[in-house]
Amino acid sequence: MKAVIISKTGGPEVLELKDIQLEDPKSGEVLIKNEAIGLNYIDTYHRSGLYPVELPSNIGIEGAGVIEKVGPDVNDFKVGDKVAYASMPIGSYSTHRIFPTKKLVKVPKGIELENVVTLMTKGITTFYLLHKTYPVKSGETILYHAAAGGVGQILCQWAKSLGCTVIGTVGSDEKIEIAKANGCDHVINYSKENFAERVKEITNGVGVPVVYDGVGKKTFDGSIECLKVRGTMVSFGNASGPLDPCNVTKSLAPKGLYLTRPSIAHYTTTREELDEAAGKTFEMFITKKFNLKIFKKYSLSEIVKAHKDLEGRKILGPAVILP
């Protein structure tokens, strides 16, 4: 058994692949043999110290595999079940791990585990953004940043299936066609154009009711400018760096805006919420409301390179780690 461990925070070089030993699962837990692992920006936040964790620590929040052992009092899962997860406790960067069943979901037949780990974090994120944080309506025009990224490729297609007009931003010209192919009606390269001005042009000066912003520092002020009166600013990531403190009087008050900072944890607090989110995500995938193409696969021994590529914006779509 092997797992990636961090003994200190820092760059990708702090990730170490080590041999581990695991005890038998306790009450309410199962032992999972991971068959696919998700690669997500939040993993880099734990590694860098942006989101503090107690050290030494395992790392990774998303995985899918097969149950090899069940602990006492586990009735809803059995040995051989294909399962997936995308939550704390962190530790998915491993060949095997112990995980609590209350945060585990069963994988429907017909979905490969490699696809599941691009669906759990990214798909459930899309679900709560579009259906819970700001429930979009058919006919609305929305703005999504990083439209060629892993979440973006799913969200833009999903939003399009709901009847939205989707404006997507990208950071380079090479990503424009990717964003268009994945549901965007309008694509703006924010490294070359003033995206706020373009959004005003597209919306005839009205602005959009919601901005979904996982980029962070580079796009926050422009996103605020894009919003219409009483619009909703959804800040859910820091790909370009953590946000500066928000001046409520300057940024929010002039248009009576709403600002929220959601995460998967806020929308999967109960078994019912988790099952709803996962079930809807699997349904949308099975019924082909969005297409999914894995951009790159890494071995667990390539984890340092995977993080370097992720932070270097070299990954144009979902990527997976194979134990």
C-alpha atoms as a PDB file:
ATOM      1  CA  MET A   1       0.000   0.000   0.000  1.00  0.00           C
ATOM      2  CA  LYS A   2       1.232   3.465  -0.865  1.00  0.00           C
ATOM      3  CA  ALA A   3       0.099   7.028  -0.212  1.00  0.00           C
ATOM      4  CA  VAL A   4       1.280  10.549  -0.955  1.00  0.00           C
ATOM      5  CA  ILE A   5       2.235  12.367   2.250  1.00  0.00           C
ATOM      6  CA  ILE A   6       3.186  15.987   2.946  1.00  0.00           C
ATOM      7  CA  SER A   7       5.395  16.688   5.973  1.00  0.00           C
ATOM      8  CA  LYS A   8       5.538  20.418   5.259  1.00  0.00           C
ATOM      9  CA  THR A   9       3.628  22.844   3.076  1.00  0.00           C
ATOM     10  CA  GLY A  10       5.069  24.328  -0.085  1.00  0.00           C
ATOM     11  CA  GLY A  11       5.399  23.643  -3.796  1.00  0.00           C
ATOM     12  CA  PRO A  12       4.807  20.346  -5.625  1.00  0.00           C
ATOM     13  CA  GLU A  13       8.183  19.055  -4.435  1.00  0.00           C
ATOM     14  CA  VAL A  14       6.797  18.502  -0.889  1.00  0.00           C
ATOM     15  CA  LEU A  15       4.625  15.640  -2.197  1.00  0.00           C
ATOM     16  CA  GLU A  16       6.200  12.305  -1.218  1.00  0.00           C
ATOM     17  CA  LEU A  17       5.012   8.809  -2.190  1.00  0.00           C
ATOM     18  CA  LYS A  18       5.511   6.475   0.779  1.00  0.00           C
ATOM     19  CA  ASP A  19       4.689   2.933   1.866  1.00  0.00           C
ATOM     20  CA  ILE A  20       1.858   2.786   4.404  1.00  0.00           C
ATOM     21  CA  GLN A  21       0.035   0.271   6.577  1.00  0.00           C
ATOM     22  CA  LEU A  22      -3.661   0.507   7.389  1.00  0.00           C
ATOM     23  CA  GLU A  23      -5.642  -0.947  10.265  1.00  0.00           C
ATOM     24  CA  ASP A  24      -8.991  -2.629   9.720  1.00  0.00           C
ATOM     25  CA  PRO A  25     -11.926  -0.249   9.225  1.00  0.00           C
ATOM     26  CA  LYS A  26     -13.806   0.772  12.357  1.00  0.00           C
ATOM     27  CA  SER A  27     -17.539   1.177  12.868  1.00  0.00           C
ATOM     28  CA  GLY A  28     -19.078   3.098   9.971  1.00  0.00           C
ATOM     29  CA  GLU A  29     -15.940   2.782   7.820  1.00  0.00           C
ATOM     30  CA  VAL A  30     -14.769   0.753   4.846  1.00  0.00           C
ATOM     31  CA  LEU A  31     -11.412  -0.064   3.284  1.00  0.00           C
ATOM     32  CA  ILE A  32     -11.309   1.055  -0.352  1.00  0.00           C
ATOM     33  CA  LYS A  33      -8.839   0.016  -3.022  1.00  0.00           C
ATOM     34  CA  ASN A  34      -8.618   3.161  -5.139  1.00  0.00           C
ATOM     35  CA  GLU A  35      -8.767   2.601  -8.883  1.00  0.00           C
ATOM     36  CA  ALA A  36      -8.870   6.249  -9.952  1.00  0.00           C
ATOM     37  CA  ILE A  37      -8.079   9.520  -8.173  1.00  0.00           C
ATOM     38  CA  GLY A  38      -9.238  13.039  -8.956  1.00  0.00           C
ATOM     39  CA  LEU A  39      -6.813  15.922  -9.511  1.00  0.00           C
ATOM     40  CA  ASN A  40      -8.288  19.189  -8.224  1.00  0.00           C
ATOM     41  CA  TYR A  41      -7.164  22.710  -7.399  1.00  0.00           C
ATOM     42  CA  ILE A  42      -8.221  22.295  -3.788  1.00  0.00           C
ATOM     43  CA  ASP A  43      -5.467  19.681  -3.462  1.00  0.00           C
ATOM     44  CA  THR A  44      -2.905  22.388  -4.257  1.00  0.00           C
ATOM     45  CA  TYR A  45      -4.434  24.627  -1.585  1.00  0.00           C
ATOM     46  CA  HIS A  46      -3.943  21.925   1.059  1.00  0.00           C
ATOM     47  CA  ARG A  47      -0.399  21.278  -0.182  1.00  0.00           C
ATOM     48  CA  SER A  48       0.611  24.956  -0.237  1.00  0.00           C
ATOM     49  CA  GLY A  49      -0.900  25.801   3.136  1.00  0.00           C
ATOM     50  CA  LEU A  50      -3.554  28.155   1.736  1.00  0.00           C
ATOM     51  CA  TYR A  51      -6.083  25.812   3.363  1.00  0.00           C
ATOM     52  CA  PRO A  52      -4.223  24.681   6.510  1.00  0.00           C
ATOM     53  CA  VAL A  53      -4.059  20.996   7.461  1.00  0.00           C
ATOM     54  CA  GLU A  54      -2.415  19.298  10.411  1.00  0.00           C
ATOM     55  CA  LEU A  55       1.000  17.944   9.399  1.00  0.00           C
ATOM     56  CA  PRO A  56       2.131  15.383   8.439  1.00  0.00           C
ATOM     57  CA  SER A  57      -0.915  14.802   6.283  1.00  0.00           C
ATOM     58  CA  ASN A  58      -2.283  12.718   3.479  1.00  0.00           C
ATOM     59  CA  ILE A  59      -3.659  14.662   0.528  1.00  0.00           C
ATOM     60  CA  GLY A  60      -6.427  14.465  -2.057  1.00  0.00           C
ATOM     61  CA  ILE A  61     -10.207  14.682  -1.648  1.00  0.00           C
ATOM     62  CA  GLU A  62     -11.574  12.701  -4.595  1.00  0.00           C
ATOM     63  CA  GLY A  63     -11.363   9.028  -5.452  1.00  0.00           C
ATOM     64  CA  ALA A  64     -13.203   5.976  -6.724  1.00  0.00           C
ATOM     65  CA  GLY A  65     -12.580   2.304  -6.183  1.00  0.00           C
ATOM     66  CA  VAL A  66     -13.806  -1.001  -4.827  1.00  0.00           C
ATOM     67  CA  ILE A  67     -14.583  -1.871  -1.209  1.00  0.00           C
ATOM     68  CA  GLU A  68     -12.271  -4.594   0.134  1.00  0.00           C
ATOM     69  CA  LYS A  69     -13.335  -4.633   3.807  1.00  0.00           C
ATOM     70  CA  VAL A  70     -16.261  -3.270   5.802  1.00  0.00           C
ATOM     71  CA  GLY A  71     -16.233  -2.227   9.426  1.00  0.00           C
ATOM     72  CA  PRO A  72     -18.752  -3.136  12.125  1.00  0.00           C
ATOM     73  CA  ASP A  73     -22.309  -1.815  11.746  1.00  0.00           C
ATOM     74  CA  VAL A  74     -21.909  -1.134   8.017  1.00  0.00           C
ATOM     75  CA  ASN A  75     -25.137  -2.233   6.355  1.00  0.00           C
ATOM     76  CA  ASP A  76     -25.526  -0.065   3.258  1.00  0.00           C
ATOM     77  CA  PHE A  77     -22.245  -1.099   1.604  1.00  0.00           C
ATOM     78  CA  LYS A  78     -20.587  -4.467   1.020  1.00  0.00           C
ATOM     79  CA  VAL A  79     -17.298  -5.917  -0.203  1.00  0.00           C
ATOM     80  CA  GLY A  80     -17.094  -5.550  -3.980  1.00  0.00           C
ATOM     81  CA  ASP A  81     -19.209  -2.398  -4.252  1.00  0.00           C
ATOM     82  CA  LYS A  82     -17.887   0.249  -6.626  1.00  0.00           C
ATOM     83  CA  VAL A  83     -17.897   3.526  -4.725  1.00  0.00           C
ATOM     84  CA  ALA A  84     -16.754   7.135  -5.002  1.00  0.00           C
ATOM     85  CA  TYR A  85     -16.177  10.105  -2.716  1.00  0.00           C
ATOM     86  CA  ALA A  86     -15.193  13.767  -2.891  1.00  0.00           C
ATOM     87  CA  SER A  87     -14.848  15.156   0.608  1.00  0.00           C
ATOM     88  CA  MET A  88     -12.858  15.285   3.789  1.00  0.00           C
ATOM     89  CA  PRO A  89     -11.049  13.481   5.319  1.00  0.00           C
ATOM     90  CA  ILE A  90      -8.339  14.050   2.751  1.00  0.00           C
ATOM     91  CA  GLY A  91      -6.245  11.115   1.593  1.00  0.00           C
ATOM     92  CA  SER A  92      -7.334  10.006  -1.874  1.00  0.00           C
ATOM     93  CA  TYR A  93      -3.762  10.100  -3.239  1.00  0.00           C
ATOM     94  CA  SER A  94      -3.241   6.487  -2.239  1.00  0.00           C
ATOM     95  CA  THR A  95      -3.607   2.914  -3.414  1.00  0.00           C
ATOM     96  CA  HIS A  96      -5.831   2.055  -0.423  1.00  0.00           C
ATOM     97  CA  ARG A  97      -7.601   4.065   2.264  1.00  0.00           C
ATOM     98  CA  ILE A  98     -10.126   3.938   5.089  1.00  0.00           C
ATOM     99  CA  PHE A  99     -13.196   6.104   4.488  1.00  0.00           C
ATOM    100  CA  PRO A 100     -16.474   6.814   6.355  1.00  0.00           C
ATOM    101  CA  THR A 101     -19.583   5.463   4.643  1.00  0.00           C
ATOM    102  CA  LYS A 102     -21.622   8.578   5.469  1.00  0.00           C
ATOM    103  CA  LYS A 103     -19.666  10.445   2.779  1.00  0.00           C
ATOM    104  CA  LEU A 104     -19.554   7.607   0.253  1.00  0.00           C
ATOM    105  CA  VAL A 105     -21.779   7.017  -2.780  1.00  0.00           C
ATOM    106  CA  LYS A 106     -22.326   3.934  -4.912  1.00  0.00           C
ATOM    107  CA  VAL A 107     -21.361   4.192  -8.565  1.00  0.00           C
ATOM    108  CA  PRO A 108     -24.117   3.297 -11.059  1.00  0.00           C
ATOM    109  CA  LYS A 109     -23.462   0.562 -13.580  1.00  0.00           C
ATOM    110  CA  GLY A 110     -22.172   1.823 -16.894  1.00  0.00           C
ATOM    111  CA  ILE A 111     -19.906   4.584 -15.556  1.00  0.00           C
ATOM    112  CA  GLU A 112     -16.180   3.861 -15.627  1.00  0.00           C
ATOM    113  CA  LEU A 113     -14.343   4.747 -12.408  1.00  0.00           C
ATOM    114  CA  GLU A 114     -11.925   6.925 -14.376  1.00  0.00           C
ATOM    115  CA  ASN A 115     -14.899   9.038 -15.400  1.00  0.00           C
ATOM    116  CA  VAL A 116     -16.383   9.023 -11.912  1.00  0.00           C
ATOM    117  CA  VAL A 117     -13.404  10.911 -10.454  1.00  0.00           C
ATOM    118  CA  THR A 118     -13.930  13.661 -12.998  1.00  0.00           C
ATOM    119  CA  LEU A 119     -17.605  13.754 -12.020  1.00  0.00           C
ATOM    120  CA  MET A 120     -17.593  13.758  -8.236  1.00  0.00           C
ATOM    121  CA  THR A 121     -15.862  17.063  -7.440  1.00  0.00           C
ATOM    122  CA  LYS A 122     -16.372  18.790 -10.770  1.00  0.00           C
ATOM    123  CA  GLY A 123     -19.863  17.451 -11.411  1.00  0.00           C
ATOM    124  CA  ILE A 124     -21.183  18.012  -7.902  1.00  0.00           C
ATOM    125  CA  THR A 125     -19.633  21.498  -7.953  1.00  0.00           C
ATOM    126  CA  THR A 126     -21.549  22.172 -11.160  1.00  0.00           C
ATOM    127  CA  PHE A 127     -24.749  20.833  -9.597  1.00  0.00           C
ATOM    128  CA  TYR A 128     -24.664  23.064  -6.539  1.00  0.00           C
ATOM    129  CA  LEU A 129     -23.542  26.145  -8.495  1.00  0.00           C
ATOM    130  CA  LEU A 130     -26.313  25.907 -11.094  1.00  0.00           C
ATOM    131  CA  HIS A 131     -29.112  24.462  -8.952  1.00  0.00           C
ATOM    132  CA  LYS A 132     -28.468  25.625  -5.382  1.00  0.00           C
ATOM    133  CA  THR A 133     -26.113  28.602  -5.010  1.00  0.00           C
ATOM    134  CA  TYR A 134     -27.779  30.538  -7.808  1.00  0.00           C
ATOM    135  CA  PRO A 135     -30.499  28.449  -9.488  1.00  0.00           C
ATOM    136  CA  VAL A 136     -30.292  29.504 -13.128  1.00  0.00           C
ATOM    137  CA  LYS A 137     -33.374  29.914 -15.294  1.00  0.00           C
ATOM    138  CA  SER A 138     -33.842  29.174 -18.963  1.00  0.00           C
ATOM    139  CA  GLY A 139     -33.193  32.307 -20.997  1.00  0.00           C
ATOM    140  CA  GLU A 140     -30.692  33.840 -18.572  1.00  0.00           C
ATOM    141  CA  THR A 141     -27.218  34.885 -19.686  1.00  0.00           C
ATOM    142  CA  ILE A 142     -24.498  33.818 -17.254  1.00  0.00           C
ATOM    143  CA  LEU A 143     -20.732  34.331 -17.006  1.00  0.00           C
ATOM    144  CA  TYR A 144     -18.318  31.544 -16.155  1.00  0.00           C
ATOM    145  CA  HIS A 145     -14.557  32.050 -15.768  1.00  0.00           C
ATOM    146  CA  ALA A 146     -12.007  29.424 -16.877  1.00  0.00           C
ATOM    147  CA  ALA A 147     -14.469  27.893 -19.313  1.00  0.00           C
ATOM    148  CA  ALA A 148     -11.884  25.497 -20.761  1.00  0.00           C
ATOM    149  CA  GLY A 149     -10.996  24.013 -17.367  1.00  0.00           C
ATOM    150  CA  GLY A 150     -12.257  20.829 -15.745  1.00  0.00           C
ATOM    151  CA  VAL A 151     -15.324  22.309 -14.026  1.00  0.00           C
ATOM    152  CA  GLY A 152     -15.892  24.763 -16.851  1.00  0.00           C
ATOM    153  CA  GLN A 153     -16.229  22.114 -19.523  1.00  0.00           C
ATOM    154  CA  ILE A 154     -18.970  20.389 -17.531  1.00  0.00           C
ATOM    155  CA  LEU A 155     -20.729  23.516 -16.226  1.00  0.00           C
ATOM    156  CA  CYS A 156     -20.973  25.307 -19.555  1.00  0.00           C
ATOM    157  CA  GLN A 157     -22.565  22.265 -21.234  1.00  0.00           C
ATOM    158  CA  TRP A 158     -24.876  21.673 -18.268  1.00  0.00           C
ATOM    159  CA  ALA A 159     -25.973  25.328 -18.218  1.00  0.00           C
ATOM    160  CA  LYS A 160     -26.581  25.218 -21.956  1.00  0.00           C
ATOM    161  CA  SER A 161     -28.824  22.164 -21.486  1.00  0.00           C
ATOM    162  CA  LEU A 162     -30.893  24.235 -19.025  1.00  0.00           C
ATOM    163  CA  GLY A 163     -31.493  26.937 -21.637  1.00  0.00           C
ATOM    164  CA  CYS A 164     -28.879  29.481 -20.573  1.00  0.00           C
ATOM    165  CA  THR A 165     -26.791  31.676 -22.826  1.00  0.00           C
ATOM    166  CA  VAL A 166     -23.239  31.084 -21.623  1.00  0.00           C
ATOM    167  CA  ILE A 167     -20.412  33.626 -21.706  1.00  0.00           C
ATOM    168  CA  GLY A 168     -17.096  31.956 -20.918  1.00  0.00           C
ATOM    169  CA  THR A 169     -13.666  33.429 -20.322  1.00  0.00           C
ATOM    170  CA  VAL A 170     -10.335  31.755 -21.013  1.00  0.00           C
ATOM    171  CA  GLY A 171      -6.716  32.737 -20.421  1.00  0.00           C
ATOM    172  CA  SER A 172      -5.264  32.000 -23.860  1.00  0.00           C
ATOM    173  CA  ASP A 173      -6.300  31.757 -27.501  1.00  0.00           C
ATOM    174  CA  GLU A 174      -5.676  28.011 -27.601  1.00  0.00           C
ATOM    175  CA  LYS A 175      -8.526  27.521 -25.123  1.00  0.00           C
ATOM    176  CA  ILE A 176     -11.128  29.446 -27.116  1.00  0.00           C
ATOM    177  CA  GLU A 177     -12.179  26.527 -29.306  1.00  0.00           C
ATOM    178  CA  ILE A 178     -12.299  24.200 -26.294  1.00  0.00           C
ATOM    179  CA  ALA A 179     -14.738  26.554 -24.563  1.00  0.00           C
ATOM    180  CA  LYS A 180     -16.881  26.887 -27.694  1.00  0.00           C
ATOM    181  CA  ALA A 181     -16.986  23.119 -28.132  1.00  0.00           C
ATOM    182  CA  ASN A 182     -18.260  22.764 -24.590  1.00  0.00           C
ATOM    183  CA  GLY A 183     -21.302  24.999 -24.738  1.00  0.00           C
ATOM    184  CA  CYS A 184     -20.133  28.610 -24.643  1.00  0.00           C
ATOM    185  CA  ASP A 185     -22.069  31.018 -26.869  1.00  0.00           C
ATOM    186  CA  HIS A 186     -19.457  33.744 -26.370  1.00  0.00           C
ATOM    187  CA  VAL A 187     -15.796  33.279 -25.406  1.00  0.00           C
ATOM    188  CA  ILE A 188     -13.523  36.053 -24.147  1.00  0.00           C
ATOM    189  CA  ASN A 189      -9.746  35.807 -23.723  1.00  0.00           C
ATOM    190  CA  TYR A 190      -9.395  37.868 -20.564  1.00  0.00           C
ATOM    191  CA  SER A 191      -5.622  38.143 -20.989  1.00  0.00           C
ATOM    192  CA  LYS A 192      -6.198  40.189 -24.155  1.00  0.00           C
ATOM    193  CA  GLU A 193      -9.624  41.779 -23.758  1.00  0.00           C
ATOM    194  CA  ASN A 194     -11.439  43.677 -21.028  1.00  0.00           C
ATOM    195  CA  PHE A 195     -13.993  40.983 -20.257  1.00  0.00           C
ATOM    196  CA  ALA A 196     -16.236  43.344 -18.288  1.00  0.00           C
ATOM    197  CA  GLU A 197     -16.605  45.641 -21.287  1.00  0.00           C
ATOM    198  CA  ARG A 198     -17.313  42.687 -23.583  1.00  0.00           C
ATOM    199  CA  VAL A 199     -19.979  41.343 -21.213  1.00  0.00           C
ATOM    200  CA  LYS A 200     -21.664  44.756 -21.231  1.00  0.00           C
ATOM    201  CA  GLU A 201     -21.630  44.711 -25.033  1.00  0.00           C
ATOM    202  CA  ILE A 202     -23.082  41.213 -25.189  1.00  0.00           C
ATOM    203  CA  THR A 203     -25.852  42.073 -22.683  1.00  0.00           C
ATOM    204  CA  ASN A 204     -26.611  45.524 -24.148  1.00  0.00           C
ATOM    205  CA  GLY A 205     -25.317  47.220 -21.027  1.00  0.00           C
ATOM    206  CA  VAL A 206     -27.537  45.307 -18.606  1.00  0.00           C
ATOM    207  CA  GLY A 207     -24.980  42.878 -17.193  1.00  0.00           C
ATOM    208  CA  VAL A 208     -25.488  39.300 -16.037  1.00  0.00           C
ATOM    209  CA  PRO A 209     -27.463  38.024 -13.038  1.00  0.00           C
ATOM    210  CA  VAL A 210     -24.649  35.721 -11.886  1.00  0.00           C
ATOM    211  CA  VAL A 211     -20.904  35.279 -12.263  1.00  0.00           C
ATOM    212  CA  TYR A 212     -19.298  31.942 -11.359  1.00  0.00           C
ATOM    213  CA  ASP A 213     -15.677  32.770 -10.569  1.00  0.00           C
ATOM    214  CA  GLY A 214     -13.134  30.080  -9.713  1.00  0.00           C
ATOM    215  CA  VAL A 215     -10.158  32.161 -10.911  1.00  0.00           C
ATOM    216  CA  GLY A 216     -10.013  34.524  -7.950  1.00  0.00           C
ATOM    217  CA  LYS A 217      -7.614  37.430  -7.690  1.00  0.00           C
ATOM    218  CA  LYS A 218      -7.326  38.334 -11.385  1.00  0.00           C
ATOM    219  CA  THR A 219     -11.028  38.402 -12.168  1.00  0.00           C
ATOM    220  CA  PHE A 220     -12.859  39.499  -9.008  1.00  0.00           C
ATOM    221  CA  ASP A 221     -13.137  43.233  -9.693  1.00  0.00           C
ATOM    222  CA  GLY A 222     -14.118  42.707 -13.321  1.00  0.00           C
ATOM    223  CA  SER A 223     -16.699  40.135 -12.269  1.00  0.00           C
ATOM    224  CA  ILE A 224     -18.322  42.654  -9.945  1.00  0.00           C
ATOM    225  CA  GLU A 225     -18.467  45.118 -12.843  1.00  0.00           C
ATOM    226  CA  CYS A 226     -20.228  42.516 -15.034  1.00  0.00           C
ATOM    227  CA  LEU A 227     -23.150  42.019 -12.665  1.00  0.00           C
ATOM    228  CA  LYS A 228     -26.553  43.606 -13.043  1.00  0.00           C
ATOM    229  CA  VAL A 229     -28.422  45.217 -10.149  1.00  0.00           C
ATOM    230  CA  ARG A 230     -28.966  42.650  -7.359  1.00  0.00           C
ATOM    231  CA  GLY A 231     -26.707  40.198  -9.158  1.00  0.00           C
ATOM    232  CA  THR A 232     -24.911  37.326  -7.441  1.00  0.00           C
ATOM    233  CA  MET A 233     -21.136  37.013  -7.293  1.00  0.00           C
ATOM    234  CA  VAL A 234     -20.196  33.365  -6.711  1.00  0.00           C
ATOM    235  CA  SER A 235     -16.532  33.087  -5.739  1.00  0.00           C
ATOM    236  CA  PHE A 236     -15.555  29.441  -5.418  1.00  0.00           C
ATOM    237  CA  GLY A 237     -11.843  29.193  -6.211  1.00  0.00           C
ATOM    238  CA  ASN A 238      -8.412  30.807  -6.252  1.00  0.00           C
ATOM    239  CA  ALA A 239      -6.705  29.589  -9.436  1.00  0.00           C
ATOM    240  CA  SER A 240      -4.952  32.943  -9.894  1.00  0.00           C
ATOM    241  CA  GLY A 241      -4.320  33.484  -6.184  1.00  0.00           C
ATOM    242  CA  PRO A 242      -6.365  34.248  -3.067  1.00  0.00           C
ATOM    243  CA  LEU A 243      -8.758  37.174  -3.092  1.00  0.00           C
ATOM    244  CA  ASP A 244      -7.939  40.534  -1.591  1.00  0.00           C
ATOM    245  CA  PRO A 245     -10.273  41.637   1.218  1.00  0.00           C
ATOM    246  CA  CYS A 246     -13.632  42.760  -0.162  1.00  0.00           C
ATOM    247  CA  ASN A 247     -14.617  46.401   0.340  1.00  0.00           C
ATOM    248  CA  VAL A 248     -18.344  45.917   0.829  1.00  0.00           C
ATOM    249  CA  THR A 249     -19.213  49.595   0.437  1.00  0.00           C
ATOM    250  CA  LYS A 250     -17.222  49.931  -2.785  1.00  0.00           C
ATOM    251  CA  SER A 251     -17.856  46.554  -4.427  1.00  0.00           C
ATOM    252  CA  LEU A 252     -21.304  45.391  -3.310  1.00  0.00           C
ATOM    253  CA  ALA A 253     -23.320  48.385  -2.178  1.00  0.00           C
ATOM    254  CA  PRO A 254     -23.624  50.355  -5.466  1.00  0.00           C
ATOM    255  CA  LYS A 255     -25.725  47.633  -7.137  1.00  0.00           C
ATOM    256  CA  GLY A 256     -26.986  45.793  -4.048  1.00  0.00           C
ATOM    257  CA  LEU A 257     -24.995  42.693  -4.991  1.00  0.00           C
ATOM    258  CA  TYR A 258     -24.863  39.323  -3.260  1.00  0.00           C
ATOM    259  CA  LEU A 259     -21.469  37.711  -2.593  1.00  0.00           C
ATOM    260  CA  THR A 260     -21.086  34.071  -1.605  1.00  0.00           C
ATOM    261  CA  ARG A 261     -18.158  31.695  -1.136  1.00  0.00           C
ATOM    262  CA  PRO A 262     -19.596  28.157  -1.426  1.00  0.00           C
ATOM    263  CA  SER A 263     -18.009  24.718  -1.403  1.00  0.00           C
ATOM    264  CA  ILE A 264     -19.176  21.131  -1.850  1.00  0.00           C
ATOM    265  CA  ALA A 265     -19.176  20.721   1.937  1.00  0.00           C
ATOM    266  CA  HIS A 266     -21.907  23.356   2.292  1.00  0.00           C
ATOM    267  CA  TYR A 267     -24.231  21.460  -0.057  1.00  0.00           C
ATOM    268  CA  THR A 268     -23.605  17.865   1.030  1.00  0.00           C
ATOM    269  CA  THR A 269     -24.141  18.220   4.771  1.00  0.00           C
ATOM    270  CA  THR A 270     -26.592  15.302   4.951  1.00  0.00           C
ATOM    271  CA  ARG A 271     -26.915  11.882   3.309  1.00  0.00           C
ATOM    272  CA  GLU A 272     -29.967  13.205   1.432  1.00  0.00           C
ATOM    273  CA  GLU A 273     -28.065  16.184   0.041  1.00  0.00           C
ATOM    274  CA  LEU A 274     -25.110  14.028  -0.999  1.00  0.00           C
ATOM    275  CA  ASP A 275     -27.324  11.481  -2.734  1.00  0.00           C
ATOM    276  CA  GLU A 276     -29.259  14.237  -4.523  1.00  0.00           C
ATOM    277  CA  ALA A 277     -26.075  15.911  -5.771  1.00  0.00           C
ATOM    278  CA  ALA A 278     -24.364  12.700  -6.872  1.00  0.00           C
ATOM    279  CA  GLY A 279     -27.557  11.265  -8.348  1.00  0.00           C
ATOM    280  CA  LYS A 280     -28.248  14.345 -10.460  1.00  0.00           C
ATOM    281  CA  THR A 281     -24.634  14.476 -11.634  1.00  0.00           C
ATOM    282  CA  PHE A 282     -24.658  10.807 -12.679  1.00  0.00           C
ATOM    283  CA  GLU A 283     -28.037  11.294 -14.388  1.00  0.00           C
ATOM    284  CA  MET A 284     -26.791  14.256 -16.436  1.00  0.00           C
ATOM    285  CA  PHE A 285     -23.743  12.265 -17.520  1.00  0.00           C
ATOM    286  CA  ILE A 286     -25.641   9.082 -18.392  1.00  0.00           C
ATOM    287  CA  THR A 287     -28.232  11.039 -20.414  1.00  0.00           C
ATOM    288  CA  LYS A 288     -25.412  12.853 -22.231  1.00  0.00           C
ATOM    289  CA  LYS A 289     -26.385  16.353 -21.170  1.00  0.00           C
ATOM    290  CA  PHE A 290     -22.648  16.934 -21.183  1.00  0.00           C
ATOM    291  CA  ASN A 291     -19.742  15.164 -22.823  1.00  0.00           C
ATOM    292  CA  LEU A 292     -16.623  14.322 -20.898  1.00  0.00           C
ATOM    293  CA  LYS A 293     -13.114  13.806 -22.222  1.00  0.00           C
ATOM    294  CA  ILE A 294     -10.215  13.057 -19.902  1.00  0.00           C
ATOM    295  CA  PHE A 295      -7.369  15.343 -20.928  1.00  0.00           C
ATOM    296  CA  LYS A 296      -4.517  13.491 -19.246  1.00  0.00           C
ATOM    297  CA  LYS A 297      -3.756  10.544 -16.978  1.00  0.00           C
ATOM    298  CA  TYR A 298      -0.921  10.442 -14.435  1.00  0.00           C
ATOM    299  CA  SER A 299       0.454   7.619 -12.329  1.00  0.00           C
ATOM    300  CA  LEU A 300       0.657   8.128  -8.579  1.00  0.00           C
ATOM    301  CA  SER A 301       4.445   8.276  -8.929  1.00  0.00           C
ATOM    302  CA  GLU A 302       4.004  11.308 -11.244  1.00  0.00           C
ATOM    303  CA  ILE A 303       2.136  13.353  -8.657  1.00  0.00           C
ATOM    304  CA  VAL A 304       4.747  16.137  -8.519  1.00  0.00           C
ATOM    305  CA  LYS A 305       4.501  16.633 -12.278  1.00  0.00           C
ATOM    306  CA  ALA A 306       0.702  16.521 -12.090  1.00  0.00           C
ATOM    307  CA  HIS A 307       0.649  19.405  -9.597  1.00  0.00           C
ATOM    308  CA  LYS A 308       3.183  21.376 -11.635  1.00  0.00           C
ATOM    309  CA  ASP A 309       1.053  20.954 -14.753  1.00  0.00           C
ATOM    310  CA  LEU A 310      -2.128  21.880 -12.887  1.00  0.00           C
ATOM    311  CA  GLU A 311      -0.716  25.076 -11.422  1.00  0.00           C
ATOM    312  CA  GLY A 312       1.034  25.884 -14.693  1.00  0.00           C
ATOM    313  CA  ARG A 313      -2.393  25.868 -16.424  1.00  0.00           C
ATOM    314  CA  LYS A 314      -1.186  23.106 -18.774  1.00  0.00           C
ATOM    315  CA  ILE A 315      -4.166  20.852 -18.136  1.00  0.00           C
ATOM    316  CA  LEU A 316      -6.986  21.646 -20.552  1.00  0.00           C
ATOM    317  CA  GLY A 317      -9.803  19.623 -19.036  1.00  0.00           C
ATOM    318  CA  PRO A 318     -10.307  16.840 -16.489  1.00  0.00           C
ATOM    319  CA  ALA A 319      -7.229  14.880 -15.437  1.00  0.00           C
ATOM    320  CA  VAL A 320      -7.000  11.697 -13.372  1.00  0.00           C
ATOM    321  CA  ILE A 321      -4.376   9.894 -11.317  1.00  0.00           C
ATOM    322  CA  LEU A 322      -4.137   6.115 -11.572  1.00  0.00           C
ATOM    323  CA  PRO A 323      -2.701   4.261  -8.534  1.00  0.00           C
END
